[in-house]
Amino acid sequence: DHAKELGNEVPTEPLLFFKPPSSLLKPGGVVRMPSASERVDFEGELAIVIGKRTTKLAPDADWRSVIRGYTIANDVTARDLQNKDGHPTQWTRAKGFDTFCPVGPIVSDEVDPEAGLAVETRVNGELRQHGSTLDFIFSIPALLCYITAAITLEPGDLILTGTPAGVGPLKPGDRVEVSIPGLGVLANTFQPG
């Protein structure tokens, strides 16, 4: 649904981009909205936390054994710069600003995305996104196989799994809360940076 709301085709294979370590932000931290962007969007997501070094994962491998657990992430995006920069391989700037990857508050291996976890995002208390991990375009094992065919994953690496429809722009002072049952609520405020 998120691909459709942006006017994009549903991808036939996963789209990969990087968020640098400097984009990480703790729960309760302030996301700094860069002056270079006129539209900063929220994207609530489930994140996979890698637990062991993994390369070239086979389709029939025990993919659960490489996962430490799951947490919540907000894939903050400078939407105007994403559109300007074009192809997904060029999204690093739009998605990689300092503080653009709030994560937390906990990591748990006691949730099961394959059973269906609700992902909800609220802005200033108003529900803006409601989706389920059952709506993923690509399954978690498919993502792991695709990524590790090219990139070795290390313990602590995060994989953001995609966002439901309903993303939208933020303004200074907004408070964004992303919630997933069993993982708590990731809350952050947004201010000019």
N, C-alpha and C. Protein backbone atom coordinates (compact mmCIF):
# COMPACT_ATOMS: atom_id res chain seq x y z
N ASP A 1 0.82 -1.21 0.00
CA ASP A 1 0.00 0.00 0.00
C ASP A 1 0.86 1.27 0.00
N HIS A 2 2.02 1.20 0.69
CA HIS A 2 2.90 2.37 0.72
C HIS A 2 3.45 2.66 -0.67
N ALA A 3 3.83 1.62 -1.42
CA ALA A 3 4.33 1.83 -2.78
C ALA A 3 3.26 2.51 -3.63
N LYS A 4 2.03 2.03 -3.49
CA LYS A 4 0.93 2.60 -4.28
C LYS A 4 0.67 4.06 -3.91
N GLU A 5 0.73 4.39 -2.60
CA GLU A 5 0.42 5.76 -2.19
C GLU A 5 1.46 6.75 -2.71
N LEU A 6 2.67 6.27 -2.98
CA LEU A 6 3.71 7.13 -3.53
C LEU A 6 3.71 7.12 -5.06
N GLY A 7 2.78 6.35 -5.65
CA GLY A 7 2.70 6.28 -7.10
C GLY A 7 3.74 5.38 -7.72
N ASN A 8 4.29 4.47 -6.93
CA ASN A 8 5.32 3.55 -7.41
C ASN A 8 4.73 2.18 -7.70
N GLU A 9 5.36 1.47 -8.61
CA GLU A 9 4.98 0.08 -8.85
C GLU A 9 5.42 -0.76 -7.65
N VAL A 10 4.69 -1.83 -7.38
CA VAL A 10 5.13 -2.77 -6.35
C VAL A 10 6.40 -3.44 -6.86
N PRO A 11 7.49 -3.38 -6.10
CA PRO A 11 8.76 -3.91 -6.61
C PRO A 11 8.72 -5.43 -6.80
N THR A 12 9.46 -5.90 -7.78
CA THR A 12 9.54 -7.34 -8.03
C THR A 12 10.67 -7.98 -7.24
N GLU A 13 11.56 -7.16 -6.69
CA GLU A 13 12.59 -7.64 -5.79
C GLU A 13 12.84 -6.54 -4.76
N PRO A 14 13.40 -6.89 -3.59
CA PRO A 14 13.60 -5.87 -2.55
C PRO A 14 14.45 -4.71 -3.03
N LEU A 15 14.14 -3.52 -2.52
CA LEU A 15 14.92 -2.32 -2.80
C LEU A 15 15.80 -2.06 -1.59
N LEU A 16 17.11 -2.00 -1.81
CA LEU A 16 18.04 -1.82 -0.71
C LEU A 16 18.60 -0.41 -0.70
N PHE A 17 18.75 0.12 0.51
CA PHE A 17 19.44 1.40 0.72
C PHE A 17 20.07 1.33 2.10
N PHE A 18 21.03 2.21 2.36
CA PHE A 18 21.72 2.23 3.65
C PHE A 18 21.33 3.46 4.45
N LYS A 19 21.26 3.26 5.76
CA LYS A 19 21.17 4.36 6.71
C LYS A 19 22.46 4.28 7.54
N PRO A 20 23.24 5.34 7.60
CA PRO A 20 24.51 5.27 8.32
C PRO A 20 24.31 5.21 9.84
N PRO A 21 25.32 4.75 10.57
CA PRO A 21 25.21 4.70 12.03
C PRO A 21 24.84 6.05 12.66
N SER A 22 25.27 7.14 12.04
CA SER A 22 24.95 8.47 12.59
C SER A 22 23.46 8.80 12.50
N SER A 23 22.68 8.00 11.76
CA SER A 23 21.24 8.24 11.68
C SER A 23 20.50 7.64 12.87
N LEU A 24 21.16 6.74 13.63
CA LEU A 24 20.51 6.09 14.76
C LEU A 24 20.16 7.10 15.86
N LEU A 25 19.02 6.87 16.49
CA LEU A 25 18.54 7.77 17.55
C LEU A 25 17.79 6.93 18.58
N LYS A 26 18.01 7.24 19.84
CA LYS A 26 17.36 6.50 20.91
C LYS A 26 15.91 6.94 21.09
N PRO A 27 15.10 6.08 21.73
CA PRO A 27 13.73 6.49 22.05
C PRO A 27 13.75 7.76 22.89
N GLY A 28 12.83 8.65 22.60
CA GLY A 28 12.76 9.92 23.32
C GLY A 28 13.68 11.00 22.77
N GLY A 29 14.58 10.61 21.86
CA GLY A 29 15.50 11.59 21.27
C GLY A 29 14.79 12.51 20.30
N VAL A 30 15.46 13.59 19.95
CA VAL A 30 14.90 14.59 19.04
C VAL A 30 15.44 14.37 17.63
N VAL A 31 14.53 14.17 16.68
CA VAL A 31 14.90 14.07 15.27
C VAL A 31 15.12 15.49 14.76
N ARG A 32 16.28 15.72 14.18
CA ARG A 32 16.62 17.04 13.65
C ARG A 32 16.21 17.14 12.19
N MET A 33 15.31 18.05 11.89
CA MET A 33 14.80 18.24 10.53
C MET A 33 15.76 19.16 9.77
N PRO A 34 16.42 18.66 8.73
CA PRO A 34 17.45 19.44 8.04
C PRO A 34 16.86 20.60 7.23
N SER A 35 17.59 21.69 7.19
CA SER A 35 17.14 22.84 6.40
C SER A 35 17.17 22.54 4.91
N ALA A 36 17.91 21.49 4.50
CA ALA A 36 18.00 21.12 3.09
C ALA A 36 16.71 20.50 2.57
N SER A 37 15.78 20.15 3.47
CA SER A 37 14.55 19.48 3.06
C SER A 37 13.32 20.30 3.45
N GLU A 38 12.34 20.29 2.55
CA GLU A 38 11.08 20.97 2.83
C GLU A 38 9.98 19.99 3.23
N ARG A 39 10.28 18.67 3.21
CA ARG A 39 9.28 17.69 3.62
C ARG A 39 9.97 16.48 4.25
N VAL A 40 9.80 16.36 5.55
CA VAL A 40 10.32 15.23 6.31
C VAL A 40 9.14 14.36 6.72
N ASP A 41 9.16 13.08 6.33
CA ASP A 41 8.07 12.14 6.59
C ASP A 41 8.46 11.11 7.65
N PHE A 42 7.44 10.58 8.32
CA PHE A 42 7.60 9.44 9.22
C PHE A 42 7.28 8.16 8.45
N GLU A 43 7.88 7.05 8.87
CA GLU A 43 7.58 5.73 8.32
C GLU A 43 7.78 4.71 9.44
N GLY A 44 6.72 4.34 10.14
CA GLY A 44 6.81 3.34 11.20
C GLY A 44 7.04 1.95 10.63
N GLU A 45 7.97 1.19 11.24
CA GLU A 45 8.33 -0.12 10.70
C GLU A 45 8.78 -1.08 11.79
N LEU A 46 8.66 -2.37 11.48
CA LEU A 46 9.30 -3.42 12.25
C LEU A 46 10.74 -3.51 11.78
N ALA A 47 11.67 -3.67 12.73
CA ALA A 47 13.08 -3.84 12.38
C ALA A 47 13.56 -5.20 12.89
N ILE A 48 14.35 -5.86 12.06
CA ILE A 48 14.99 -7.13 12.41
C ILE A 48 16.38 -6.81 12.94
N VAL A 49 16.74 -7.40 14.08
CA VAL A 49 18.08 -7.26 14.64
C VAL A 49 18.83 -8.57 14.39
N ILE A 50 19.93 -8.47 13.67
CA ILE A 50 20.72 -9.65 13.33
C ILE A 50 21.52 -10.11 14.56
N GLY A 51 21.57 -11.42 14.76
CA GLY A 51 22.22 -11.97 15.92
C GLY A 51 23.53 -12.68 15.64
N LYS A 52 23.73 -13.11 14.38
CA LYS A 52 25.00 -13.75 14.08
C LYS A 52 25.41 -13.46 12.64
N ARG A 53 26.72 -13.50 12.43
CA ARG A 53 27.27 -13.21 11.10
C ARG A 53 26.63 -14.14 10.08
N THR A 54 26.12 -13.54 9.00
CA THR A 54 25.38 -14.31 8.01
C THR A 54 25.76 -13.88 6.61
N THR A 55 26.12 -14.84 5.79
CA THR A 55 26.41 -14.58 4.38
C THR A 55 25.82 -15.71 3.54
N LYS A 56 25.30 -15.34 2.40
CA LYS A 56 24.76 -16.30 1.44
C LYS A 56 23.81 -17.32 2.08
N LEU A 57 22.84 -16.81 2.81
CA LEU A 57 21.84 -17.66 3.47
C LEU A 57 21.05 -18.43 2.42
N ALA A 58 21.00 -19.74 2.54
CA ALA A 58 20.27 -20.58 1.59
C ALA A 58 18.77 -20.50 1.85
N PRO A 59 17.95 -20.62 0.80
CA PRO A 59 16.50 -20.56 0.97
C PRO A 59 15.95 -21.59 1.96
N ASP A 60 16.61 -22.72 2.10
CA ASP A 60 16.12 -23.76 3.02
C ASP A 60 16.80 -23.70 4.39
N ALA A 61 17.61 -22.68 4.64
CA ALA A 61 18.33 -22.54 5.92
C ALA A 61 17.36 -22.13 7.04
N ASP A 62 17.78 -22.34 8.26
CA ASP A 62 17.02 -21.92 9.43
C ASP A 62 17.24 -20.42 9.64
N TRP A 63 16.46 -19.61 8.96
CA TRP A 63 16.65 -18.17 8.99
C TRP A 63 16.42 -17.58 10.38
N ARG A 64 15.58 -18.21 11.19
CA ARG A 64 15.32 -17.69 12.54
C ARG A 64 16.59 -17.71 13.40
N SER A 65 17.50 -18.63 13.11
CA SER A 65 18.71 -18.77 13.93
C SER A 65 19.67 -17.59 13.77
N VAL A 66 19.52 -16.78 12.74
CA VAL A 66 20.41 -15.63 12.54
C VAL A 66 19.83 -14.34 13.10
N ILE A 67 18.61 -14.41 13.62
CA ILE A 67 17.93 -13.22 14.14
C ILE A 67 18.04 -13.16 15.66
N ARG A 68 18.54 -12.04 16.17
CA ARG A 68 18.60 -11.81 17.62
C ARG A 68 17.21 -11.50 18.16
N GLY A 69 16.46 -10.71 17.39
CA GLY A 69 15.12 -10.32 17.81
C GLY A 69 14.58 -9.23 16.91
N TYR A 70 13.56 -8.57 17.40
CA TYR A 70 12.86 -7.54 16.63
C TYR A 70 12.71 -6.29 17.48
N THR A 71 12.62 -5.15 16.82
CA THR A 71 12.38 -3.90 17.51
C THR A 71 11.58 -2.99 16.58
N ILE A 72 11.38 -1.77 17.02
CA ILE A 72 10.61 -0.78 16.24
C ILE A 72 11.58 0.24 15.66
N ALA A 73 11.29 0.72 14.47
CA ALA A 73 12.09 1.77 13.85
C ALA A 73 11.17 2.78 13.16
N ASN A 74 11.67 3.99 13.03
CA ASN A 74 11.01 5.02 12.24
C ASN A 74 11.98 5.39 11.13
N ASP A 75 11.65 4.99 9.91
CA ASP A 75 12.52 5.24 8.75
C ASP A 75 12.25 6.66 8.25
N VAL A 76 12.72 7.63 9.02
CA VAL A 76 12.48 9.04 8.68
C VAL A 76 13.10 9.34 7.31
N THR A 77 12.35 10.07 6.49
CA THR A 77 12.76 10.30 5.10
C THR A 77 12.50 11.74 4.69
N ALA A 78 13.50 12.37 4.09
CA ALA A 78 13.31 13.67 3.46
C ALA A 78 12.70 13.40 2.08
N ARG A 79 11.38 13.40 2.04
CA ARG A 79 10.66 12.92 0.84
C ARG A 79 11.01 13.73 -0.40
N ASP A 80 11.14 15.04 -0.27
CA ASP A 80 11.46 15.86 -1.44
C ASP A 80 12.84 15.50 -1.98
N LEU A 81 13.80 15.21 -1.11
CA LEU A 81 15.13 14.83 -1.57
C LEU A 81 15.14 13.41 -2.14
N GLN A 82 14.31 12.53 -1.58
CA GLN A 82 14.18 11.18 -2.12
C GLN A 82 13.69 11.25 -3.56
N ASN A 83 12.66 12.06 -3.80
CA ASN A 83 12.13 12.20 -5.16
C ASN A 83 13.16 12.85 -6.09
N LYS A 84 13.89 13.83 -5.58
CA LYS A 84 14.90 14.53 -6.38
C LYS A 84 16.06 13.60 -6.73
N ASP A 85 16.47 12.77 -5.75
CA ASP A 85 17.63 11.91 -5.97
C ASP A 85 17.30 10.69 -6.83
N GLY A 86 16.01 10.35 -6.93
CA GLY A 86 15.60 9.33 -7.90
C GLY A 86 15.71 7.91 -7.43
N HIS A 87 16.39 7.09 -8.19
CA HIS A 87 16.45 5.63 -8.01
C HIS A 87 16.78 5.26 -6.56
N PRO A 88 16.21 4.15 -6.05
CA PRO A 88 16.45 3.74 -4.67
C PRO A 88 17.92 3.66 -4.27
N THR A 89 18.80 3.35 -5.20
CA THR A 89 20.21 3.29 -4.83
C THR A 89 20.75 4.68 -4.46
N GLN A 90 19.98 5.70 -4.75
CA GLN A 90 20.39 7.06 -4.44
C GLN A 90 19.63 7.63 -3.23
N TRP A 91 18.94 6.78 -2.47
CA TRP A 91 18.14 7.26 -1.35
C TRP A 91 18.92 7.49 -0.06
N THR A 92 20.22 7.20 -0.07
CA THR A 92 21.00 7.31 1.16
C THR A 92 20.93 8.71 1.76
N ARG A 93 21.02 9.75 0.95
CA ARG A 93 20.97 11.10 1.50
C ARG A 93 19.62 11.37 2.13
N ALA A 94 18.54 11.06 1.42
CA ALA A 94 17.19 11.38 1.90
C ALA A 94 16.83 10.61 3.17
N LYS A 95 17.41 9.44 3.34
CA LYS A 95 17.07 8.60 4.49
C LYS A 95 18.19 8.55 5.53
N GLY A 96 19.32 9.18 5.23
CA GLY A 96 20.50 9.00 6.07
C GLY A 96 20.93 10.18 6.92
N PHE A 97 20.15 11.25 6.97
CA PHE A 97 20.53 12.38 7.80
C PHE A 97 20.73 11.92 9.25
N ASP A 98 21.60 12.61 9.98
CA ASP A 98 21.76 12.34 11.40
C ASP A 98 20.39 12.35 12.07
N THR A 99 20.15 11.40 12.96
CA THR A 99 18.91 11.23 13.75
C THR A 99 17.74 10.67 12.96
N PHE A 100 17.92 10.27 11.71
CA PHE A 100 16.80 9.82 10.86
C PHE A 100 16.44 8.34 11.03
N CYS A 101 16.97 7.70 12.08
CA CYS A 101 16.60 6.30 12.32
C CYS A 101 16.38 6.04 13.81
N PRO A 102 15.30 6.60 14.37
CA PRO A 102 14.97 6.25 15.75
C PRO A 102 14.67 4.75 15.83
N VAL A 103 15.17 4.11 16.90
CA VAL A 103 15.02 2.67 17.09
C VAL A 103 14.75 2.37 18.57
N GLY A 104 13.89 1.37 18.82
CA GLY A 104 13.67 0.92 20.20
C GLY A 104 12.20 0.86 20.52
N PRO A 105 11.81 0.74 21.75
CA PRO A 105 12.64 0.82 22.95
C PRO A 105 13.28 -0.49 23.40
N ILE A 106 12.83 -1.65 22.88
CA ILE A 106 13.40 -2.92 23.31
C ILE A 106 13.67 -3.79 22.09
N VAL A 107 14.47 -4.84 22.31
CA VAL A 107 14.65 -5.90 21.32
C VAL A 107 14.08 -7.16 21.96
N SER A 108 13.21 -7.85 21.24
CA SER A 108 12.60 -9.06 21.77
C SER A 108 12.59 -10.17 20.73
N ASP A 109 12.81 -11.40 21.20
CA ASP A 109 12.66 -12.56 20.32
C ASP A 109 11.38 -13.31 20.65
N GLU A 110 10.50 -12.65 21.39
CA GLU A 110 9.25 -13.29 21.82
C GLU A 110 8.04 -12.85 21.00
N VAL A 111 8.28 -12.22 19.86
CA VAL A 111 7.19 -11.87 18.95
C VAL A 111 7.38 -12.64 17.65
N ASP A 112 6.30 -12.83 16.92
CA ASP A 112 6.36 -13.60 15.67
C ASP A 112 5.72 -12.81 14.54
N PRO A 113 6.54 -12.12 13.74
CA PRO A 113 5.99 -11.34 12.62
C PRO A 113 5.19 -12.18 11.64
N GLU A 114 5.52 -13.46 11.50
CA GLU A 114 4.79 -14.31 10.56
C GLU A 114 3.37 -14.60 11.03
N ALA A 115 3.10 -14.40 12.31
CA ALA A 115 1.74 -14.59 12.84
C ALA A 115 0.90 -13.32 12.67
N GLY A 116 1.58 -12.22 12.33
CA GLY A 116 0.87 -10.96 12.12
C GLY A 116 0.99 -10.04 13.31
N LEU A 117 1.82 -9.02 13.19
CA LEU A 117 1.97 -7.99 14.20
C LEU A 117 1.42 -6.68 13.65
N ALA A 118 0.60 -6.00 14.43
CA ALA A 118 0.09 -4.69 14.02
C ALA A 118 1.20 -3.65 14.15
N VAL A 119 1.33 -2.81 13.13
CA VAL A 119 2.27 -1.69 13.15
C VAL A 119 1.42 -0.42 13.06
N GLU A 120 1.50 0.41 14.09
CA GLU A 120 0.71 1.64 14.10
C GLU A 120 1.61 2.84 14.36
N THR A 121 1.30 3.94 13.69
CA THR A 121 2.02 5.19 13.89
C THR A 121 1.01 6.28 14.19
N ARG A 122 1.30 7.04 15.26
CA ARG A 122 0.48 8.17 15.63
C ARG A 122 1.33 9.44 15.60
N VAL A 123 0.73 10.53 15.12
CA VAL A 123 1.38 11.83 15.13
C VAL A 123 0.53 12.72 16.02
N ASN A 124 1.14 13.20 17.09
CA ASN A 124 0.43 14.01 18.09
C ASN A 124 -0.86 13.32 18.55
N GLY A 125 -0.78 12.00 18.71
CA GLY A 125 -1.90 11.20 19.20
C GLY A 125 -2.88 10.73 18.15
N GLU A 126 -2.78 11.24 16.93
CA GLU A 126 -3.71 10.86 15.85
C GLU A 126 -3.16 9.68 15.06
N LEU A 127 -3.96 8.62 14.92
CA LEU A 127 -3.54 7.44 14.16
C LEU A 127 -3.35 7.80 12.69
N ARG A 128 -2.15 7.55 12.17
CA ARG A 128 -1.85 7.85 10.77
C ARG A 128 -1.54 6.60 9.96
N GLN A 129 -0.99 5.57 10.62
CA GLN A 129 -0.66 4.32 9.93
C GLN A 129 -1.19 3.15 10.74
N HIS A 130 -1.76 2.18 10.04
CA HIS A 130 -2.15 0.92 10.66
C HIS A 130 -1.97 -0.17 9.62
N GLY A 131 -1.05 -1.07 9.90
CA GLY A 131 -0.79 -2.17 8.98
C GLY A 131 -0.41 -3.40 9.76
N SER A 132 -0.03 -4.43 9.04
CA SER A 132 0.33 -5.70 9.65
C SER A 132 1.56 -6.26 8.96
N THR A 133 2.33 -7.01 9.72
CA THR A 133 3.48 -7.69 9.11
C THR A 133 3.03 -8.76 8.12
N LEU A 134 1.76 -9.11 8.14
CA LEU A 134 1.24 -10.04 7.12
C LEU A 134 1.14 -9.38 5.75
N ASP A 135 1.27 -8.04 5.71
CA ASP A 135 1.18 -7.30 4.46
C ASP A 135 2.54 -7.12 3.76
N PHE A 136 3.60 -7.67 4.34
CA PHE A 136 4.92 -7.52 3.72
C PHE A 136 4.89 -7.95 2.26
N ILE A 137 5.57 -7.21 1.40
CA ILE A 137 5.72 -7.62 0.00
C ILE A 137 6.63 -8.83 -0.07
N PHE A 138 7.70 -8.83 0.72
CA PHE A 138 8.67 -9.92 0.75
C PHE A 138 8.75 -10.47 2.17
N SER A 139 8.76 -11.78 2.29
CA SER A 139 8.86 -12.41 3.61
C SER A 139 10.23 -12.14 4.22
N ILE A 140 10.33 -12.33 5.53
CA ILE A 140 11.61 -12.14 6.20
C ILE A 140 12.67 -13.10 5.65
N PRO A 141 12.38 -14.40 5.47
CA PRO A 141 13.42 -15.25 4.89
C PRO A 141 13.83 -14.82 3.48
N ALA A 142 12.89 -14.34 2.68
CA ALA A 142 13.23 -13.86 1.34
C ALA A 142 14.15 -12.65 1.42
N LEU A 143 13.88 -11.73 2.35
CA LEU A 143 14.75 -10.56 2.53
C LEU A 143 16.15 -10.99 2.94
N LEU A 144 16.24 -11.91 3.91
CA LEU A 144 17.54 -12.34 4.39
C LEU A 144 18.35 -13.02 3.28
N CYS A 145 17.71 -13.86 2.50
CA CYS A 145 18.41 -14.53 1.40
C CYS A 145 18.87 -13.52 0.35
N TYR A 146 18.00 -12.57 0.02
CA TYR A 146 18.32 -11.57 -1.00
C TYR A 146 19.50 -10.70 -0.55
N ILE A 147 19.43 -10.21 0.68
CA ILE A 147 20.48 -9.31 1.18
C ILE A 147 21.80 -10.05 1.30
N THR A 148 21.78 -11.23 1.94
CA THR A 148 23.04 -11.92 2.20
C THR A 148 23.66 -12.54 0.96
N ALA A 149 22.94 -12.57 -0.14
CA ALA A 149 23.55 -12.99 -1.40
C ALA A 149 24.62 -11.99 -1.84
N ALA A 150 24.49 -10.74 -1.38
CA ALA A 150 25.43 -9.69 -1.78
C ALA A 150 26.19 -9.09 -0.62
N ILE A 151 25.57 -9.06 0.57
CA ILE A 151 26.12 -8.32 1.71
C ILE A 151 26.14 -9.24 2.93
N THR A 152 27.28 -9.34 3.58
CA THR A 152 27.37 -10.10 4.82
C THR A 152 26.77 -9.27 5.94
N LEU A 153 25.84 -9.86 6.67
CA LEU A 153 25.22 -9.20 7.81
C LEU A 153 26.00 -9.55 9.07
N GLU A 154 26.17 -8.56 9.93
CA GLU A 154 26.92 -8.73 11.17
C GLU A 154 25.97 -8.60 12.37
N PRO A 155 26.34 -9.19 13.52
CA PRO A 155 25.51 -9.03 14.72
C PRO A 155 25.28 -7.55 15.02
N GLY A 156 24.03 -7.22 15.29
CA GLY A 156 23.66 -5.83 15.56
C GLY A 156 23.16 -5.08 14.36
N ASP A 157 23.38 -5.61 13.15
CA ASP A 157 22.83 -4.96 11.97
C ASP A 157 21.31 -4.94 12.06
N LEU A 158 20.72 -3.89 11.52
CA LEU A 158 19.27 -3.74 11.50
C LEU A 158 18.77 -3.81 10.07
N ILE A 159 17.64 -4.48 9.90
CA ILE A 159 16.95 -4.49 8.62
C ILE A 159 15.56 -3.92 8.86
N LEU A 160 15.28 -2.78 8.24
CA LEU A 160 13.94 -2.21 8.32
C LEU A 160 13.10 -2.86 7.23
N THR A 161 11.89 -3.27 7.59
CA THR A 161 11.13 -4.19 6.73
C THR A 161 10.09 -3.53 5.83
N GLY A 162 9.93 -2.23 5.90
CA GLY A 162 8.94 -1.56 5.06
C GLY A 162 7.81 -1.00 5.90
N THR A 163 7.12 -0.03 5.35
CA THR A 163 6.12 0.71 6.12
C THR A 163 4.73 0.56 5.52
N PRO A 164 3.69 0.61 6.35
CA PRO A 164 2.33 0.62 5.82
C PRO A 164 2.00 1.94 5.14
N ALA A 165 0.87 1.98 4.46
CA ALA A 165 0.38 3.23 3.87
C ALA A 165 0.10 4.22 4.99
N GLY A 166 0.07 5.50 4.63
CA GLY A 166 -0.29 6.54 5.58
C GLY A 166 0.84 7.46 5.97
N VAL A 167 2.02 7.31 5.34
CA VAL A 167 3.14 8.20 5.66
C VAL A 167 2.75 9.63 5.34
N GLY A 168 3.42 10.56 5.99
CA GLY A 168 3.09 11.95 5.72
C GLY A 168 4.10 12.90 6.31
N PRO A 169 3.99 14.18 5.95
CA PRO A 169 4.96 15.18 6.39
C PRO A 169 4.76 15.57 7.84
N LEU A 170 5.85 16.02 8.43
CA LEU A 170 5.85 16.46 9.82
C LEU A 170 6.23 17.92 9.89
N LYS A 171 5.89 18.53 11.01
CA LYS A 171 6.28 19.92 11.26
C LYS A 171 7.02 20.00 12.58
N PRO A 172 7.82 21.02 12.79
CA PRO A 172 8.54 21.15 14.05
C PRO A 172 7.58 21.07 15.25
N GLY A 173 8.00 20.33 16.25
CA GLY A 173 7.20 20.16 17.45
C GLY A 173 6.34 18.91 17.44
N ASP A 174 6.21 18.24 16.29
CA ASP A 174 5.40 17.02 16.23
C ASP A 174 6.04 15.91 17.06
N ARG A 175 5.16 15.09 17.63
CA ARG A 175 5.59 13.89 18.37
C ARG A 175 5.06 12.68 17.61
N VAL A 176 5.98 11.76 17.27
CA VAL A 176 5.62 10.56 16.53
C VAL A 176 5.80 9.35 17.44
N GLU A 177 4.77 8.50 17.48
CA GLU A 177 4.81 7.28 18.27
C GLU A 177 4.51 6.09 17.36
N VAL A 178 5.45 5.16 17.29
CA VAL A 178 5.27 3.94 16.52
C VAL A 178 5.12 2.80 17.53
N SER A 179 4.07 2.01 17.37
CA SER A 179 3.83 0.93 18.34
C SER A 179 3.64 -0.41 17.62
N ILE A 180 4.15 -1.45 18.26
CA ILE A 180 3.98 -2.83 17.82
C ILE A 180 3.78 -3.67 19.07
N PRO A 181 2.71 -4.46 19.14
CA PRO A 181 2.47 -5.27 20.34
C PRO A 181 3.68 -6.15 20.68
N GLY A 182 4.05 -6.16 21.95
CA GLY A 182 5.18 -6.94 22.41
C GLY A 182 6.50 -6.21 22.31
N LEU A 183 6.53 -5.07 21.59
CA LEU A 183 7.76 -4.30 21.42
C LEU A 183 7.67 -2.89 21.99
N GLY A 184 6.48 -2.52 22.47
CA GLY A 184 6.33 -1.22 23.11
C GLY A 184 6.01 -0.11 22.13
N VAL A 185 6.41 1.10 22.53
CA VAL A 185 6.14 2.31 21.76
C VAL A 185 7.46 3.08 21.60
N LEU A 186 7.79 3.41 20.35
CA LEU A 186 8.94 4.25 20.04
C LEU A 186 8.42 5.66 19.85
N ALA A 187 8.81 6.57 20.74
CA ALA A 187 8.32 7.95 20.68
C ALA A 187 9.50 8.91 20.50
N ASN A 188 9.34 9.83 19.55
CA ASN A 188 10.35 10.85 19.29
C ASN A 188 9.68 12.15 18.88
N THR A 189 10.32 13.26 19.17
CA THR A 189 9.84 14.56 18.72
C THR A 189 10.73 15.06 17.58
N PHE A 190 10.19 16.00 16.81
CA PHE A 190 10.87 16.55 15.64
C PHE A 190 11.07 18.05 15.82
N GLN A 191 12.28 18.50 15.55
CA GLN A 191 12.62 19.91 15.68
C GLN A 191 13.56 20.31 14.55
N PRO A 192 13.60 21.60 14.19
CA PRO A 192 14.56 22.04 13.16
C PRO A 192 15.99 21.70 13.58
N GLY A 193 16.79 21.31 12.61
CA GLY A 193 18.14 20.89 12.93
C GLY A 193 19.19 21.80 12.40
